[in-house]
Amino acid sequence: EQIRSKNQLGKLGWFVGQMMRMGEKGRVEAPKADGILRELILG
């Protein structure tokens, strides 16, 4: 909600890190993860 309402885009990087930790090691590509997050959070 903070990203959406306050445009705190810096926090997207934190979500990318979470996805890389949750996914299988070495398979999550940061640029693709960032793109999906922008699509889901910011449309």
All heavy atoms as atom14 arrays in JSON, in Angstrom:
{
  "sequence": "EQIRSKNQLGKLGWFVGQMMRMGEKGRVEAPKADGILRELILG",
  "atom14_mask": [
    [1, 1, 1, 1, 1, 1, 1, 1, 1, 0, 0, 0, 0, 0],
    [1, 1, 1, 1, 1, 1, 1, 1, 1, 0, 0, 0, 0, 0],
    [1, 1, 1, 1, 1, 1, 1, 1, 0, 0, 0, 0, 0, 0],
    [1, 1, 1, 1, 1, 1, 1, 1, 1, 1, 1, 0, 0, 0],
    [1, 1, 1, 1, 1, 1, 0, 0, 0, 0, 0, 0, 0, 0],
    [1, 1, 1, 1, 1, 1, 1, 1, 1, 0, 0, 0, 0, 0],
    [1, 1, 1, 1, 1, 1, 1, 1, 0, 0, 0, 0, 0, 0],
    [1, 1, 1, 1, 1, 1, 1, 1, 1, 0, 0, 0, 0, 0],
    [1, 1, 1, 1, 1, 1, 1, 1, 0, 0, 0, 0, 0, 0],
    [1, 1, 1, 1, 0, 0, 0, 0, 0, 0, 0, 0, 0, 0],
    [1, 1, 1, 1, 1, 1, 1, 1, 1, 0, 0, 0, 0, 0],
    [1, 1, 1, 1, 1, 1, 1, 1, 0, 0, 0, 0, 0, 0],
    [1, 1, 1, 1, 0, 0, 0, 0, 0, 0, 0, 0, 0, 0],
    [1, 1, 1, 1, 1, 1, 1, 1, 1, 1, 1, 1, 1, 1],
    [1, 1, 1, 1, 1, 1, 1, 1, 1, 1, 1, 0, 0, 0],
    [1, 1, 1, 1, 1, 1, 1, 0, 0, 0, 0, 0, 0, 0],
    [1, 1, 1, 1, 0, 0, 0, 0, 0, 0, 0, 0, 0, 0],
    [1, 1, 1, 1, 1, 1, 1, 1, 1, 0, 0, 0, 0, 0],
    [1, 1, 1, 1, 1, 1, 1, 1, 0, 0, 0, 0, 0, 0],
    [1, 1, 1, 1, 1, 1, 1, 1, 0, 0, 0, 0, 0, 0],
    [1, 1, 1, 1, 1, 1, 1, 1, 1, 1, 1, 0, 0, 0],
    [1, 1, 1, 1, 1, 1, 1, 1, 0, 0, 0, 0, 0, 0],
    [1, 1, 1, 1, 0, 0, 0, 0, 0, 0, 0, 0, 0, 0],
    [1, 1, 1, 1, 1, 1, 1, 1, 1, 0, 0, 0, 0, 0],
    [1, 1, 1, 1, 1, 1, 1, 1, 1, 0, 0, 0, 0, 0],
    [1, 1, 1, 1, 0, 0, 0, 0, 0, 0, 0, 0, 0, 0],
    [1, 1, 1, 1, 1, 1, 1, 1, 1, 1, 1, 0, 0, 0],
    [1, 1, 1, 1, 1, 1, 1, 0, 0, 0, 0, 0, 0, 0],
    [1, 1, 1, 1, 1, 1, 1, 1, 1, 0, 0, 0, 0, 0],
    [1, 1, 1, 1, 1, 0, 0, 0, 0, 0, 0, 0, 0, 0],
    [1, 1, 1, 1, 1, 1, 1, 0, 0, 0, 0, 0, 0, 0],
    [1, 1, 1, 1, 1, 1, 1, 1, 1, 0, 0, 0, 0, 0],
    [1, 1, 1, 1, 1, 0, 0, 0, 0, 0, 0, 0, 0, 0],
    [1, 1, 1, 1, 1, 1, 1, 1, 0, 0, 0, 0, 0, 0],
    [1, 1, 1, 1, 0, 0, 0, 0, 0, 0, 0, 0, 0, 0],
    [1, 1, 1, 1, 1, 1, 1, 1, 0, 0, 0, 0, 0, 0],
    [1, 1, 1, 1, 1, 1, 1, 1, 0, 0, 0, 0, 0, 0],
    [1, 1, 1, 1, 1, 1, 1, 1, 1, 1, 1, 0, 0, 0],
    [1, 1, 1, 1, 1, 1, 1, 1, 1, 0, 0, 0, 0, 0],
    [1, 1, 1, 1, 1, 1, 1, 1, 0, 0, 0, 0, 0, 0],
    [1, 1, 1, 1, 1, 1, 1, 1, 0, 0, 0, 0, 0, 0],
    [1, 1, 1, 1, 1, 1, 1, 1, 0, 0, 0, 0, 0, 0],
    [1, 1, 1, 1, 0, 0, 0, 0, 0, 0, 0, 0, 0, 0]
  ],
  "atom14_positions": [
    [[0.82, -1.2, 0.0], [0.0, 0.0, 0.0], [0.86, 1.26, 0.0], [0.52, 2.26, -0.64], [-0.93, -0.01, 1.22], [-1.89, 1.17, 1.28], [-2.78, 1.27, 0.02], [-3.1, 0.23, -0.58], [-3.11, 2.41, -0.35], [0.0, 0.0, 0.0], [0.0, 0.0, 0.0], [0.0, 0.0, 0.0], [0.0, 0.0, 0.0], [0.0, 0.0, 0.0]],
    [[2.0, 1.23, 0.73], [2.89, 2.39, 0.75], [3.47, 2.65, -0.63], [3.63, 3.81, -1.04], [4.03, 2.14, 1.75], [3.57, 2.18, 3.21], [4.66, 1.73, 4.16], [5.66, 1.15, 3.75], [4.47, 1.98, 5.45], [0.0, 0.0, 0.0], [0.0, 0.0, 0.0], [0.0, 0.0, 0.0], [0.0, 0.0, 0.0], [0.0, 0.0, 0.0]],
    [[3.79, 1.59, -1.36], [4.31, 1.76, -2.72], [3.25, 2.39, -3.61], [3.52, 3.29, -4.4], [4.79, 0.41, -3.28], [5.99, -0.12, -2.47], [5.19, 0.54, -4.75], [6.43, -1.52, -2.85], [0.0, 0.0, 0.0], [0.0, 0.0, 0.0], [0.0, 0.0, 0.0], [0.0, 0.0, 0.0], [0.0, 0.0, 0.0], [0.0, 0.0, 0.0]],
    [[2.0, 1.9, -3.47], [0.93, 2.39, -4.33], [0.52, 3.83, -3.99], [0.4, 4.68, -4.87], [-0.28, 1.47, -4.2], [-0.14, 0.14, -4.93], [-1.31, -0.77, -4.65], [-1.25, -1.99, -5.43], [-1.88, -3.12, -5.11], [-2.63, -3.16, -4.0], [-1.76, -4.18, -5.88], [0.0, 0.0, 0.0], [0.0, 0.0, 0.0], [0.0, 0.0, 0.0]],
    [[0.34, 4.1, -2.7], [-0.22, 5.4, -2.32], [0.83, 6.49, -2.19], [0.56, 7.66, -2.46], [-0.98, 5.26, -0.99], [-0.1, 4.84, 0.05], [0.0, 0.0, 0.0], [0.0, 0.0, 0.0], [0.0, 0.0, 0.0], [0.0, 0.0, 0.0], [0.0, 0.0, 0.0], [0.0, 0.0, 0.0], [0.0, 0.0, 0.0], [0.0, 0.0, 0.0]],
    [[2.03, 6.12, -1.78], [3.08, 7.12, -1.54], [4.2, 7.07, -2.58], [5.17, 7.8, -2.47], [3.67, 6.93, -0.14], [2.65, 7.11, 0.98], [3.3, 6.94, 2.34], [2.27, 7.1, 3.46], [2.9, 6.94, 4.79], [0.0, 0.0, 0.0], [0.0, 0.0, 0.0], [0.0, 0.0, 0.0], [0.0, 0.0, 0.0], [0.0, 0.0, 0.0]],
    [[4.03, 6.22, -3.56], [5.0, 6.11, -4.66], [6.41, 5.81, -4.14], [7.41, 6.32, -4.67], [5.01, 7.39, -5.5], [5.59, 7.16, -6.89], [5.42, 6.07, -7.45], [6.26, 8.15, -7.43], [0.0, 0.0, 0.0], [0.0, 0.0, 0.0], [0.0, 0.0, 0.0], [0.0, 0.0, 0.0], [0.0, 0.0, 0.0], [0.0, 0.0, 0.0]],
    [[6.52, 4.98, -3.1], [7.81, 4.62, -2.51], [8.41, 3.46, -3.29], [8.46, 2.31, -2.84], [7.65, 4.28, -1.03], [7.18, 5.46, -0.2], [7.03, 5.11, 1.28], [7.15, 3.95, 1.68], [6.77, 6.12, 2.09], [0.0, 0.0, 0.0], [0.0, 0.0, 0.0], [0.0, 0.0, 0.0], [0.0, 0.0, 0.0], [0.0, 0.0, 0.0]],
    [[8.9, 3.78, -4.49], [9.36, 2.74, -5.41], [10.63, 2.04, -4.93], [10.92, 0.92, -5.38], [9.62, 3.36, -6.79], [8.4, 4.05, -7.45], [8.78, 4.55, -8.84], [7.22, 3.08, -7.53], [0.0, 0.0, 0.0], [0.0, 0.0, 0.0], [0.0, 0.0, 0.0], [0.0, 0.0, 0.0], [0.0, 0.0, 0.0], [0.0, 0.0, 0.0]],
    [[11.35, 2.67, -4.04], [12.56, 2.04, -3.53], [12.28, 0.72, -2.82], [13.16, -0.15, -2.75], [0.0, 0.0, 0.0], [0.0, 0.0, 0.0], [0.0, 0.0, 0.0], [0.0, 0.0, 0.0], [0.0, 0.0, 0.0], [0.0, 0.0, 0.0], [0.0, 0.0, 0.0], [0.0, 0.0, 0.0], [0.0, 0.0, 0.0], [0.0, 0.0, 0.0]],
    [[11.06, 0.57, -2.33], [10.72, -0.66, -1.6], [10.48, -1.84, -2.53], [10.35, -2.97, -2.07], [9.5, -0.41, -0.72], [9.8, 0.58, 0.4], [8.63, 0.8, 1.33], [9.03, 1.74, 2.47], [7.91, 2.04, 3.39], [0.0, 0.0, 0.0], [0.0, 0.0, 0.0], [0.0, 0.0, 0.0], [0.0, 0.0, 0.0], [0.0, 0.0, 0.0]],
    [[10.39, -1.57, -3.84], [10.27, -2.68, -4.78], [11.5, -3.59, -4.71], [11.39, -4.81, -4.87], [10.12, -2.14, -6.21], [8.74, -1.55, -6.57], [8.82, -0.84, -7.91], [7.67, -2.63, -6.59], [0.0, 0.0, 0.0], [0.0, 0.0, 0.0], [0.0, 0.0, 0.0], [0.0, 0.0, 0.0], [0.0, 0.0, 0.0], [0.0, 0.0, 0.0]],
    [[12.66, -2.98, -4.47], [13.88, -3.77, -4.36], [13.82, -4.75, -3.22], [14.37, -5.87, -3.31], [0.0, 0.0, 0.0], [0.0, 0.0, 0.0], [0.0, 0.0, 0.0], [0.0, 0.0, 0.0], [0.0, 0.0, 0.0], [0.0, 0.0, 0.0], [0.0, 0.0, 0.0], [0.0, 0.0, 0.0], [0.0, 0.0, 0.0], [0.0, 0.0, 0.0]],
    [[13.17, -4.35, -2.13], [13.03, -5.27, -1.0], [12.2, -6.48, -1.4], [12.53, -7.62, -1.05], [12.37, -4.52, 0.17], [12.29, -5.36, 1.42], [13.25, -5.51, 2.38], [11.18, -6.18, 1.84], [12.82, -6.35, 3.37], [11.54, -6.78, 3.07], [9.93, -6.44, 1.3], [10.69, -7.64, 3.75], [9.08, -7.3, 1.98], [9.45, -7.9, 3.2]],
    [[11.12, -6.25, -2.15], [10.29, -7.37, -2.61], [11.06, -8.26, -3.58], [10.89, -9.49, -3.56], [9.02, -6.84, -3.28], [7.93, -6.5, -2.31], [7.54, -5.18, -2.11], [7.28, -7.49, -1.59], [6.55, -4.86, -1.22], [6.27, -7.17, -0.69], [5.89, -5.85, -0.5], [0.0, 0.0, 0.0], [0.0, 0.0, 0.0], [0.0, 0.0, 0.0]],
    [[11.9, -7.67, -4.43], [12.72, -8.49, -5.33], [13.61, -9.42, -4.52], [13.74, -10.61, -4.82], [13.57, -7.58, -6.25], [14.59, -8.41, -7.02], [12.69, -6.82, -7.22], [0.0, 0.0, 0.0], [0.0, 0.0, 0.0], [0.0, 0.0, 0.0], [0.0, 0.0, 0.0], [0.0, 0.0, 0.0], [0.0, 0.0, 0.0], [0.0, 0.0, 0.0]],
    [[14.23, -8.88, -3.46], [15.07, -9.7, -2.59], [14.29, -10.83, -1.94], [14.78, -11.97, -1.83], [0.0, 0.0, 0.0], [0.0, 0.0, 0.0], [0.0, 0.0, 0.0], [0.0, 0.0, 0.0], [0.0, 0.0, 0.0], [0.0, 0.0, 0.0], [0.0, 0.0, 0.0], [0.0, 0.0, 0.0], [0.0, 0.0, 0.0], [0.0, 0.0, 0.0]],
    [[13.05, -10.54, -1.53], [12.21, -11.58, -0.93], [11.92, -12.69, -1.93], [11.98, -13.88, -1.59], [10.9, -10.97, -0.43], [11.05, -10.06, 0.78], [11.55, -10.83, 1.99], [12.71, -10.73, 2.37], [10.67, -11.61, 2.59], [0.0, 0.0, 0.0], [0.0, 0.0, 0.0], [0.0, 0.0, 0.0], [0.0, 0.0, 0.0], [0.0, 0.0, 0.0]],
    [[11.62, -12.31, -3.17], [11.34, -13.32, -4.2], [12.57, -14.18, -4.48], [12.44, -15.4, -4.69], [10.88, -12.62, -5.48], [9.51, -11.97, -5.38], [9.07, -11.03, -6.87], [9.0, -12.34, -8.1], [0.0, 0.0, 0.0], [0.0, 0.0, 0.0], [0.0, 0.0, 0.0], [0.0, 0.0, 0.0], [0.0, 0.0, 0.0], [0.0, 0.0, 0.0]],
    [[13.74, -13.58, -4.48], [14.97, -14.34, -4.73], [15.26, -15.3, -3.59], [15.78, -16.41, -3.81], [16.14, -13.39, -4.96], [15.98, -12.52, -6.2], [17.38, -11.43, -6.53], [18.54, -12.62, -7.2], [0.0, 0.0, 0.0], [0.0, 0.0, 0.0], [0.0, 0.0, 0.0], [0.0, 0.0, 0.0], [0.0, 0.0, 0.0], [0.0, 0.0, 0.0]],
    [[14.89, -14.93, -2.36], [15.09, -15.83, -1.23], [14.06, -16.95, -1.22], [14.35, -18.08, -0.84], [15.04, -15.04, 0.09], [16.33, -14.3, 0.41], [16.29, -13.7, 1.8], [15.44, -12.52, 1.84], [15.86, -11.29, 1.57], [17.11, -11.11, 1.22], [15.04, -10.27, 1.64], [0.0, 0.0, 0.0], [0.0, 0.0, 0.0], [0.0, 0.0, 0.0]],
    [[12.84, -16.63, -1.64], [11.77, -17.62, -1.63], [11.9, -18.61, -2.79], [11.51, -19.77, -2.67], [10.41, -16.92, -1.71], [10.09, -16.09, -0.46], [8.75, -14.9, -0.74], [7.41, -15.99, -1.18], [0.0, 0.0, 0.0], [0.0, 0.0, 0.0], [0.0, 0.0, 0.0], [0.0, 0.0, 0.0], [0.0, 0.0, 0.0], [0.0, 0.0, 0.0]],
    [[12.43, -18.15, -3.92], [12.52, -19.01, -5.1], [13.71, -19.95, -5.02], [14.57, -19.86, -4.15], [0.0, 0.0, 0.0], [0.0, 0.0, 0.0], [0.0, 0.0, 0.0], [0.0, 0.0, 0.0], [0.0, 0.0, 0.0], [0.0, 0.0, 0.0], [0.0, 0.0, 0.0], [0.0, 0.0, 0.0], [0.0, 0.0, 0.0], [0.0, 0.0, 0.0]],
    [[13.77, -20.87, -5.98], [14.86, -21.82, -6.05], [16.15, -21.06, -6.36], [16.18, -20.19, -7.23], [14.59, -22.86, -7.14], [15.59, -24.0, -7.15], [15.22, -25.06, -8.17], [14.06, -25.12, -8.58], [16.13, -25.82, -8.56], [0.0, 0.0, 0.0], [0.0, 0.0, 0.0], [0.0, 0.0, 0.0], [0.0, 0.0, 0.0], [0.0, 0.0, 0.0]],
    [[17.23, -21.39, -5.63], [18.47, -20.64, -5.71], [18.99, -20.6, -7.14], [19.09, -21.61, -7.83], [19.52, -21.28, -4.81], [20.8, -20.46, -4.7], [21.75, -21.06, -3.68], [23.0, -20.2, -3.56], [23.96, -20.74, -2.58], [0.0, 0.0, 0.0], [0.0, 0.0, 0.0], [0.0, 0.0, 0.0], [0.0, 0.0, 0.0], [0.0, 0.0, 0.0]],
    [[19.3, -19.39, -7.61], [19.89, -19.22, -8.93], [18.9, -19.15, -10.07], [19.31, -18.98, -11.22], [0.0, 0.0, 0.0], [0.0, 0.0, 0.0], [0.0, 0.0, 0.0], [0.0, 0.0, 0.0], [0.0, 0.0, 0.0], [0.0, 0.0, 0.0], [0.0, 0.0, 0.0], [0.0, 0.0, 0.0], [0.0, 0.0, 0.0], [0.0, 0.0, 0.0]],
    [[17.6, -19.27, -9.79], [16.63, -19.29, -10.88], [15.86, -17.97, -11.02], [15.29, -17.7, -12.07], [15.62, -20.44, -10.69], [16.25, -21.82, -10.8], [15.18, -22.88, -10.83], [14.34, -22.78, -12.02], [13.14, -23.38, -12.15], [12.67, -24.11, -11.17], [12.45, -23.23, -13.26], [0.0, 0.0, 0.0], [0.0, 0.0, 0.0], [0.0, 0.0, 0.0]],
    [[15.81, -17.16, -9.97], [15.05, -15.91, -10.0], [15.94, -14.79, -10.55], [16.99, -14.49, -9.98], [14.53, -15.52, -8.61], [13.76, -14.22, -8.67], [13.66, -16.64, -8.04], [0.0, 0.0, 0.0], [0.0, 0.0, 0.0], [0.0, 0.0, 0.0], [0.0, 0.0, 0.0], [0.0, 0.0, 0.0], [0.0, 0.0, 0.0], [0.0, 0.0, 0.0]],
    [[15.54, -14.2, -11.66], [16.28, -13.11, -12.27], [15.69, -11.78, -11.78], [14.48, -11.54, -11.94], [16.2, -13.2, -13.79], [16.8, -14.49, -14.34], [16.6, -14.61, -15.83], [17.21, -13.8, -16.57], [15.83, -15.49, -16.26], [0.0, 0.0, 0.0], [0.0, 0.0, 0.0], [0.0, 0.0, 0.0], [0.0, 0.0, 0.0], [0.0, 0.0, 0.0]],
    [[16.54, -10.94, -11.2], [16.07, -9.7, -10.58], [15.28, -8.81, -11.54], [14.21, -8.29, -11.17], [17.24, -8.94, -9.98], [0.0, 0.0, 0.0], [0.0, 0.0, 0.0], [0.0, 0.0, 0.0], [0.0, 0.0, 0.0], [0.0, 0.0, 0.0], [0.0, 0.0, 0.0], [0.0, 0.0, 0.0], [0.0, 0.0, 0.0], [0.0, 0.0, 0.0]],
    [[15.73, -8.57, -12.79], [14.94, -7.69, -13.68], [13.54, -8.22, -13.95], [12.57, -7.45, -14.0], [15.79, -7.66, -14.96], [17.17, -7.97, -14.52], [17.0, -8.96, -13.41], [0.0, 0.0, 0.0], [0.0, 0.0, 0.0], [0.0, 0.0, 0.0], [0.0, 0.0, 0.0], [0.0, 0.0, 0.0], [0.0, 0.0, 0.0], [0.0, 0.0, 0.0]],
    [[13.41, -9.54, -14.13], [12.1, -10.12, -14.39], [11.22, -10.02, -13.15], [10.01, -9.75, -13.24], [12.23, -11.57, -14.84], [12.84, -11.71, -16.23], [12.84, -13.17, -16.68], [13.41, -13.29, -18.1], [13.42, -14.68, -18.57], [0.0, 0.0, 0.0], [0.0, 0.0, 0.0], [0.0, 0.0, 0.0], [0.0, 0.0, 0.0], [0.0, 0.0, 0.0]],
    [[11.81, -10.26, -11.98], [11.05, -10.15, -10.73], [10.56, -8.72, -10.54], [9.4, -8.48, -10.16], [11.93, -10.58, -9.55], [0.0, 0.0, 0.0], [0.0, 0.0, 0.0], [0.0, 0.0, 0.0], [0.0, 0.0, 0.0], [0.0, 0.0, 0.0], [0.0, 0.0, 0.0], [0.0, 0.0, 0.0], [0.0, 0.0, 0.0], [0.0, 0.0, 0.0]],
    [[11.41, -7.74, -10.82], [11.03, -6.33, -10.7], [9.88, -6.0, -11.66], [8.94, -5.28, -11.29], [12.24, -5.44, -10.99], [11.92, -3.97, -10.84], [11.84, -3.48, -9.7], [11.76, -3.3, -11.88], [0.0, 0.0, 0.0], [0.0, 0.0, 0.0], [0.0, 0.0, 0.0], [0.0, 0.0, 0.0], [0.0, 0.0, 0.0], [0.0, 0.0, 0.0]],
    [[9.95, -6.52, -12.88], [8.9, -6.25, -13.87], [7.56, -6.8, -13.43], [6.52, -6.12, -13.58], [0.0, 0.0, 0.0], [0.0, 0.0, 0.0], [0.0, 0.0, 0.0], [0.0, 0.0, 0.0], [0.0, 0.0, 0.0], [0.0, 0.0, 0.0], [0.0, 0.0, 0.0], [0.0, 0.0, 0.0], [0.0, 0.0, 0.0], [0.0, 0.0, 0.0]],
    [[7.54, -8.03, -12.91], [6.28, -8.62, -12.44], [5.71, -7.82, -11.27], [4.5, -7.58, -11.19], [6.51, -10.1, -12.04], [6.82, -10.95, -13.28], [5.31, -10.65, -11.29], [5.68, -11.06, -14.27], [0.0, 0.0, 0.0], [0.0, 0.0, 0.0], [0.0, 0.0, 0.0], [0.0, 0.0, 0.0], [0.0, 0.0, 0.0], [0.0, 0.0, 0.0]],
    [[6.57, -7.4, -10.34], [6.1, -6.61, -9.2], [5.49, -5.29, -9.65], [4.44, -4.87, -9.14], [7.27, -6.35, -8.24], [7.74, -7.54, -7.4], [9.1, -7.25, -6.77], [6.72, -7.86, -6.32], [0.0, 0.0, 0.0], [0.0, 0.0, 0.0], [0.0, 0.0, 0.0], [0.0, 0.0, 0.0], [0.0, 0.0, 0.0], [0.0, 0.0, 0.0]],
    [[6.12, -4.61, -10.59], [5.57, -3.36, -11.1], [4.21, -3.59, -11.76], [3.3, -2.76, -11.65], [6.55, -2.73, -12.09], [7.79, -2.15, -11.43], [8.79, -1.61, -12.46], [9.96, -1.04, -11.81], [10.06, 0.21, -11.36], [9.02, 1.03, -11.5], [11.15, 0.63, -10.77], [0.0, 0.0, 0.0], [0.0, 0.0, 0.0], [0.0, 0.0, 0.0]],
    [[4.09, -4.71, -12.45], [2.82, -5.02, -13.11], [1.72, -5.26, -12.08], [0.59, -4.74, -12.21], [3.01, -6.26, -13.99], [1.74, -6.67, -14.75], [1.98, -7.88, -15.63], [3.15, -8.16, -15.95], [0.99, -8.54, -15.99], [0.0, 0.0, 0.0], [0.0, 0.0, 0.0], [0.0, 0.0, 0.0], [0.0, 0.0, 0.0], [0.0, 0.0, 0.0]],
    [[2.02, -6.02, -11.03], [1.0, -6.37, -10.04], [0.67, -5.22, -9.09], [-0.48, -5.04, -8.69], [1.46, -7.6, -9.24], [1.64, -8.9, -10.04], [2.14, -10.01, -9.12], [0.32, -9.33, -10.7], [0.0, 0.0, 0.0], [0.0, 0.0, 0.0], [0.0, 0.0, 0.0], [0.0, 0.0, 0.0], [0.0, 0.0, 0.0], [0.0, 0.0, 0.0]],
    [[1.7, -4.44, -8.71], [1.49, -3.39, -7.71], [1.08, -2.07, -8.36], [0.16, -1.39, -7.9], [2.76, -3.19, -6.86], [3.08, -4.47, -6.07], [2.58, -2.02, -5.89], [4.36, -4.41, -5.27], [0.0, 0.0, 0.0], [0.0, 0.0, 0.0], [0.0, 0.0, 0.0], [0.0, 0.0, 0.0], [0.0, 0.0, 0.0], [0.0, 0.0, 0.0]],
    [[1.76, -1.72, -9.46], [1.54, -0.42, -10.07], [0.71, -0.47, -11.35], [0.37, 0.58, -11.91], [2.89, 0.24, -10.39], [3.83, 0.43, -9.19], [5.18, 0.93, -9.65], [3.23, 1.38, -8.18], [0.0, 0.0, 0.0], [0.0, 0.0, 0.0], [0.0, 0.0, 0.0], [0.0, 0.0, 0.0], [0.0, 0.0, 0.0], [0.0, 0.0, 0.0]],
    [[0.45, -1.67, -11.82], [-0.36, -1.8, -13.03], [0.4, -1.48, -14.29], [-0.2, -1.23, -15.34], [0.0, 0.0, 0.0], [0.0, 0.0, 0.0], [0.0, 0.0, 0.0], [0.0, 0.0, 0.0], [0.0, 0.0, 0.0], [0.0, 0.0, 0.0], [0.0, 0.0, 0.0], [0.0, 0.0, 0.0], [0.0, 0.0, 0.0], [0.0, 0.0, 0.0]]
  ]
}
